[in-house]
N, C-alpha and C. Protein backbone atom coordinates (compact mmCIF):
# COMPACT_ATOMS: atom_id res chain seq x y z
N MET A 1 4.16 12.58 20.44
CA MET A 1 3.10 13.37 19.75
C MET A 1 2.66 14.47 20.74
N ASN A 2 2.88 15.74 20.43
CA ASN A 2 2.56 16.82 21.27
C ASN A 2 1.04 16.94 21.36
N SER A 3 0.56 17.83 22.28
CA SER A 3 -0.89 17.86 22.53
C SER A 3 -1.71 18.42 21.36
N ARG A 4 -1.09 19.38 20.56
CA ARG A 4 -1.80 19.94 19.40
C ARG A 4 -2.00 18.88 18.31
N LEU A 5 -0.96 18.18 18.08
CA LEU A 5 -1.01 17.15 17.06
C LEU A 5 -1.91 16.02 17.56
N LYS A 6 -1.92 15.63 18.76
CA LYS A 6 -2.72 14.52 19.27
C LYS A 6 -4.31 14.97 19.14
N LYS A 7 -4.54 16.28 19.48
CA LYS A 7 -5.90 16.76 19.36
C LYS A 7 -6.36 16.80 17.93
N ALA A 8 -5.49 17.22 16.98
CA ALA A 8 -5.91 17.22 15.58
C ALA A 8 -6.15 15.87 15.05
N PHE A 9 -5.32 14.87 15.46
CA PHE A 9 -5.51 13.46 15.09
C PHE A 9 -6.77 12.90 15.66
N LYS A 10 -7.04 13.20 16.93
CA LYS A 10 -8.30 12.60 17.53
C LYS A 10 -9.50 13.33 16.89
N ASP A 11 -9.40 14.56 16.51
CA ASP A 11 -10.52 15.23 15.88
C ASP A 11 -10.80 14.62 14.54
N GLU A 12 -9.86 14.28 13.79
CA GLU A 12 -10.07 13.73 12.44
C GLU A 12 -10.60 12.26 12.59
N MET A 13 -10.08 11.53 13.59
CA MET A 13 -10.60 10.18 13.78
C MET A 13 -12.04 10.20 14.27
N SER A 14 -12.39 11.16 15.16
CA SER A 14 -13.77 11.32 15.66
C SER A 14 -14.72 11.56 14.51
N LEU A 15 -14.35 12.63 13.67
CA LEU A 15 -15.21 12.94 12.52
C LEU A 15 -15.29 11.63 11.64
N GLY A 16 -14.22 11.00 11.38
CA GLY A 16 -14.30 9.79 10.48
C GLY A 16 -15.20 8.71 11.05
N ARG A 17 -15.11 8.51 12.38
CA ARG A 17 -15.98 7.49 12.98
C ARG A 17 -17.45 7.89 13.02
N ARG A 18 -17.70 9.16 13.27
CA ARG A 18 -19.07 9.69 13.23
C ARG A 18 -19.71 9.46 11.77
N LEU A 19 -18.97 9.84 10.75
CA LEU A 19 -19.43 9.63 9.41
C LEU A 19 -19.60 8.14 9.07
N PHE A 20 -18.69 7.32 9.51
CA PHE A 20 -18.75 5.86 9.18
C PHE A 20 -20.05 5.28 9.75
N PHE A 21 -20.35 5.67 11.03
CA PHE A 21 -21.63 5.08 11.62
C PHE A 21 -22.89 5.69 10.95
N LYS A 22 -22.74 6.84 10.24
CA LYS A 22 -23.86 7.38 9.54
C LYS A 22 -23.98 6.76 8.14
N GLY A 23 -22.97 5.87 7.80
CA GLY A 23 -22.99 5.25 6.45
C GLY A 23 -22.34 6.17 5.42
N GLN A 24 -21.78 7.21 5.83
CA GLN A 24 -21.20 8.17 4.83
C GLN A 24 -19.69 7.81 4.66
N TYR A 25 -19.42 6.66 4.02
CA TYR A 25 -18.14 6.08 3.99
C TYR A 25 -17.13 6.93 3.23
N GLU A 26 -17.51 7.47 2.20
CA GLU A 26 -16.44 8.27 1.38
C GLU A 26 -15.96 9.46 2.16
N GLN A 27 -16.85 10.14 2.81
CA GLN A 27 -16.53 11.25 3.61
C GLN A 27 -15.71 10.80 4.89
N ALA A 28 -16.09 9.69 5.47
CA ALA A 28 -15.33 9.10 6.57
C ALA A 28 -13.91 8.75 6.19
N PHE A 29 -13.80 8.15 4.96
CA PHE A 29 -12.44 7.79 4.50
C PHE A 29 -11.48 9.00 4.38
N THR A 30 -12.04 10.09 3.91
CA THR A 30 -11.29 11.31 3.81
C THR A 30 -10.67 11.73 5.21
N HIS A 31 -11.54 11.62 6.21
CA HIS A 31 -10.99 11.98 7.56
C HIS A 31 -9.95 10.94 8.06
N PHE A 32 -10.16 9.71 7.71
CA PHE A 32 -9.12 8.71 8.14
C PHE A 32 -7.81 9.03 7.37
N GLU A 33 -7.94 9.41 6.03
CA GLU A 33 -6.72 9.75 5.33
C GLU A 33 -6.00 10.94 5.98
N ARG A 34 -6.68 11.88 6.38
CA ARG A 34 -6.08 13.08 7.07
C ARG A 34 -5.50 12.62 8.42
N ALA A 35 -6.21 11.85 9.17
CA ALA A 35 -5.59 11.30 10.38
C ALA A 35 -4.42 10.46 10.15
N HIS A 36 -4.36 9.74 8.98
CA HIS A 36 -3.17 8.94 8.68
C HIS A 36 -1.99 9.89 8.43
N VAL A 37 -2.15 10.97 7.74
CA VAL A 37 -1.08 11.85 7.59
C VAL A 37 -0.48 12.40 8.88
N LEU A 38 -1.36 12.67 9.87
CA LEU A 38 -0.99 13.21 11.12
C LEU A 38 -0.33 12.14 12.04
N GLY A 39 -0.86 10.91 11.88
CA GLY A 39 -0.44 9.90 12.91
C GLY A 39 0.59 8.81 12.34
N GLN A 40 0.97 8.93 11.15
CA GLN A 40 1.78 7.86 10.50
C GLN A 40 3.16 7.75 11.18
N PHE A 41 3.63 8.67 11.95
CA PHE A 41 4.93 8.52 12.52
C PHE A 41 4.85 7.84 13.93
N TYR A 42 3.68 7.39 14.37
CA TYR A 42 3.38 6.79 15.66
C TYR A 42 2.69 5.49 15.44
N VAL A 43 3.17 4.44 16.01
CA VAL A 43 2.74 3.11 15.76
C VAL A 43 1.25 2.94 15.89
N LEU A 44 0.63 3.28 17.10
CA LEU A 44 -0.75 2.91 17.39
C LEU A 44 -1.67 3.86 16.63
N PRO A 45 -1.42 5.15 16.55
CA PRO A 45 -2.25 5.99 15.72
C PRO A 45 -2.32 5.55 14.26
N HIS A 46 -1.10 5.23 13.72
CA HIS A 46 -0.91 4.78 12.34
C HIS A 46 -1.80 3.54 12.01
N VAL A 47 -1.67 2.64 12.88
CA VAL A 47 -2.36 1.28 12.74
C VAL A 47 -3.91 1.59 12.80
N ARG A 48 -4.31 2.43 13.77
CA ARG A 48 -5.73 2.75 13.95
C ARG A 48 -6.32 3.21 12.69
N THR A 49 -5.62 4.14 11.98
CA THR A 49 -6.15 4.66 10.76
C THR A 49 -6.39 3.68 9.68
N HIS A 50 -5.40 2.67 9.60
CA HIS A 50 -5.55 1.54 8.60
C HIS A 50 -6.68 0.67 8.95
N ILE A 51 -6.80 0.41 10.27
CA ILE A 51 -7.94 -0.48 10.69
C ILE A 51 -9.24 0.15 10.32
N TRP A 52 -9.50 1.42 10.45
CA TRP A 52 -10.71 2.05 10.07
C TRP A 52 -10.95 2.04 8.57
N MET A 53 -9.83 2.19 7.77
CA MET A 53 -9.91 2.11 6.36
C MET A 53 -10.35 0.61 5.91
N PHE A 54 -9.80 -0.26 6.70
CA PHE A 54 -10.14 -1.65 6.44
C PHE A 54 -11.65 -1.90 6.71
N PHE A 55 -12.19 -1.30 7.76
CA PHE A 55 -13.63 -1.40 8.13
C PHE A 55 -14.44 -0.78 6.92
N ILE A 56 -14.02 0.28 6.38
CA ILE A 56 -14.74 0.87 5.22
C ILE A 56 -14.71 -0.07 4.12
N GLY A 57 -13.52 -0.65 3.77
CA GLY A 57 -13.52 -1.64 2.72
C GLY A 57 -14.52 -2.76 2.97
N LEU A 58 -14.59 -3.23 4.17
CA LEU A 58 -15.58 -4.23 4.46
C LEU A 58 -17.06 -3.83 4.25
N ARG A 59 -17.31 -2.60 4.72
CA ARG A 59 -18.73 -2.10 4.58
C ARG A 59 -19.15 -1.84 3.22
N THR A 60 -18.14 -1.47 2.36
CA THR A 60 -18.43 -1.08 1.01
C THR A 60 -18.21 -2.21 0.00
N GLY A 61 -17.67 -3.34 0.50
CA GLY A 61 -17.34 -4.46 -0.32
C GLY A 61 -16.22 -4.17 -1.27
N ASN A 62 -15.32 -3.32 -0.90
CA ASN A 62 -14.16 -2.83 -1.77
C ASN A 62 -13.04 -3.85 -1.50
N PHE A 63 -12.94 -4.93 -2.30
CA PHE A 63 -11.86 -5.96 -2.09
C PHE A 63 -10.50 -5.33 -2.18
N LYS A 64 -10.35 -4.40 -3.09
CA LYS A 64 -8.98 -3.74 -3.25
C LYS A 64 -8.62 -3.12 -1.90
N GLU A 65 -9.51 -2.36 -1.31
CA GLU A 65 -9.23 -1.67 -0.08
C GLU A 65 -9.00 -2.62 1.06
N ILE A 66 -9.78 -3.74 1.12
CA ILE A 66 -9.64 -4.76 2.19
C ILE A 66 -8.23 -5.34 2.11
N LYS A 67 -7.90 -5.83 0.92
CA LYS A 67 -6.57 -6.49 0.64
C LYS A 67 -5.45 -5.43 0.97
N GLY A 68 -5.65 -4.22 0.40
CA GLY A 68 -4.64 -3.20 0.67
C GLY A 68 -4.30 -2.93 2.13
N GLN A 69 -5.47 -2.84 2.91
CA GLN A 69 -5.28 -2.53 4.36
C GLN A 69 -4.68 -3.69 5.13
N LEU A 70 -5.03 -4.92 4.66
CA LEU A 70 -4.34 -6.12 5.37
C LEU A 70 -2.93 -6.09 5.11
N ILE A 71 -2.50 -5.56 4.12
CA ILE A 71 -1.01 -5.41 3.86
C ILE A 71 -0.50 -4.16 4.69
N ARG A 72 -1.20 -3.10 4.64
CA ARG A 72 -0.82 -1.87 5.27
C ARG A 72 -0.74 -1.90 6.78
N ILE A 73 -1.64 -2.70 7.45
CA ILE A 73 -1.60 -2.71 8.81
C ILE A 73 -0.29 -3.20 9.44
N PRO A 74 0.21 -4.40 9.00
CA PRO A 74 1.53 -4.77 9.66
C PRO A 74 2.68 -3.93 9.07
N LEU A 75 2.67 -3.47 7.79
CA LEU A 75 3.69 -2.65 7.29
C LEU A 75 3.70 -1.30 7.94
N GLY A 76 2.58 -0.76 8.20
CA GLY A 76 2.50 0.51 8.89
C GLY A 76 2.99 0.46 10.33
N MET A 77 2.76 -0.60 11.01
CA MET A 77 3.32 -0.87 12.35
C MET A 77 4.81 -0.90 12.31
N ILE A 78 5.40 -1.64 11.46
CA ILE A 78 6.83 -1.73 11.30
C ILE A 78 7.49 -0.39 10.89
N GLY A 79 6.89 0.22 9.85
CA GLY A 79 7.35 1.46 9.33
C GLY A 79 7.40 2.57 10.33
N SER A 80 6.29 2.67 11.13
CA SER A 80 6.25 3.66 12.12
C SER A 80 7.27 3.41 13.24
N ALA A 81 7.42 2.09 13.62
CA ALA A 81 8.43 1.73 14.68
C ALA A 81 9.80 2.07 14.30
N LEU A 82 10.14 1.95 12.99
CA LEU A 82 11.46 2.16 12.46
C LEU A 82 11.67 3.67 11.97
N GLY A 83 10.55 4.46 11.94
CA GLY A 83 10.65 5.83 11.49
C GLY A 83 10.73 5.85 10.00
N LYS A 84 10.23 4.87 9.23
CA LYS A 84 10.38 4.87 7.80
C LYS A 84 9.01 4.84 7.21
N VAL A 85 8.45 5.98 7.04
CA VAL A 85 7.10 6.14 6.37
C VAL A 85 7.15 7.19 5.28
N PRO A 86 6.40 7.01 4.26
CA PRO A 86 6.42 8.06 3.16
C PRO A 86 5.50 9.28 3.56
N LYS A 87 6.20 10.35 3.85
CA LYS A 87 5.55 11.46 4.41
C LYS A 87 4.44 11.97 3.48
N GLY A 88 3.28 12.24 4.11
CA GLY A 88 2.19 12.73 3.40
C GLY A 88 1.27 11.69 2.73
N ASN A 89 1.70 10.47 2.70
CA ASN A 89 0.94 9.38 2.14
C ASN A 89 -0.38 9.27 2.90
N THR A 90 -1.50 9.18 2.17
CA THR A 90 -2.82 9.14 2.73
C THR A 90 -3.25 7.85 3.27
N GLY A 91 -2.55 6.75 2.83
CA GLY A 91 -2.72 5.44 3.43
C GLY A 91 -3.78 4.56 2.76
N GLY A 92 -4.56 5.04 1.82
CA GLY A 92 -5.55 4.13 1.17
C GLY A 92 -4.95 3.22 0.16
N ALA A 93 -5.60 2.26 -0.17
CA ALA A 93 -5.15 1.25 -1.24
C ALA A 93 -5.06 1.89 -2.65
N ASN A 94 -5.66 2.99 -2.76
CA ASN A 94 -5.64 3.69 -4.03
C ASN A 94 -4.32 4.43 -4.25
N ILE A 95 -3.47 4.48 -3.24
CA ILE A 95 -2.14 5.15 -3.25
C ILE A 95 -1.09 4.16 -3.11
N GLU A 96 0.08 4.32 -3.90
CA GLU A 96 1.23 3.45 -3.72
C GLU A 96 1.75 3.45 -2.31
N LEU A 97 2.11 2.33 -1.81
CA LEU A 97 2.66 2.17 -0.48
C LEU A 97 3.73 3.20 -0.12
N SER A 98 4.64 3.29 -0.99
CA SER A 98 5.85 4.11 -0.75
C SER A 98 5.81 5.48 -1.30
N LYS A 99 4.68 5.96 -1.84
CA LYS A 99 4.58 7.29 -2.42
C LYS A 99 4.56 8.46 -1.35
N THR A 100 5.54 9.32 -1.51
CA THR A 100 5.50 10.50 -0.71
C THR A 100 4.55 11.45 -1.35
N MET A 101 3.83 12.22 -0.53
CA MET A 101 2.75 13.14 -1.11
C MET A 101 2.91 14.45 -0.37
N PRO A 102 2.40 15.48 -0.98
CA PRO A 102 2.36 16.77 -0.31
C PRO A 102 1.37 16.74 0.84
N ILE A 103 1.77 17.38 1.95
CA ILE A 103 1.03 17.48 3.09
C ILE A 103 0.13 18.75 2.99
N PRO A 104 -1.20 18.65 3.21
CA PRO A 104 -2.05 19.80 3.16
C PRO A 104 -1.65 20.87 4.23
N ASP A 105 -1.67 22.12 3.83
CA ASP A 105 -1.19 23.15 4.68
C ASP A 105 -1.83 23.14 6.07
N ASP A 106 -3.13 22.89 6.07
CA ASP A 106 -3.79 22.94 7.43
C ASP A 106 -3.32 21.82 8.32
N LEU A 107 -2.80 20.67 7.75
CA LEU A 107 -2.26 19.65 8.65
C LEU A 107 -0.76 19.79 8.91
N GLN A 108 0.01 20.48 7.93
CA GLN A 108 1.41 20.68 8.11
C GLN A 108 1.76 21.46 9.32
N GLN A 109 0.85 22.39 9.64
CA GLN A 109 1.16 23.23 10.91
C GLN A 109 1.30 22.36 12.13
N TYR A 110 0.51 21.30 12.26
CA TYR A 110 0.47 20.39 13.42
C TYR A 110 1.80 19.55 13.46
N LEU A 111 2.25 19.17 12.29
CA LEU A 111 3.49 18.44 12.16
C LEU A 111 4.70 19.27 12.45
N ASN A 112 4.68 20.55 12.03
CA ASN A 112 5.72 21.54 12.28
C ASN A 112 5.82 21.77 13.75
N ASP A 113 4.66 22.03 14.43
CA ASP A 113 4.63 22.27 15.83
C ASP A 113 5.21 21.04 16.59
N ASN A 114 4.85 19.84 16.13
CA ASN A 114 5.35 18.68 16.84
C ASN A 114 6.82 18.49 16.69
N GLN A 115 7.44 18.84 15.58
CA GLN A 115 8.84 18.68 15.36
C GLN A 115 9.58 19.70 16.32
N LYS A 116 8.99 20.86 16.48
CA LYS A 116 9.60 21.89 17.28
C LYS A 116 9.69 21.41 18.84
N SER A 117 8.58 20.71 19.22
CA SER A 117 8.54 20.25 20.62
C SER A 117 9.31 19.00 20.92
N GLU A 118 9.82 18.32 19.91
CA GLU A 118 10.60 17.08 20.15
C GLU A 118 12.03 17.35 20.50
């Protein structure tokens, strides 16, 4: 993960955590989804996004999210390690596990830069 991608990932995670601790779970979830898109090709960042989504499920009592994240945490770990992840997937339980999704333009630039530096 190059430095620009790492910073963008950390910024999204930081915003998500800040909103989480303010009780603004829906907004926090959006930032964890964006972080997921950026970090899903790397084991630890990928798993971290799912853990925070799990925490939101716990705080909001969303059983579907809790269950979905308990499945996604180990699968995300394996998928990232093998390089088999559905690009653009936002990682929430409201999205099919294997669904490829369009990547927002503002995030795509970091992924493009990262590919060039590898």
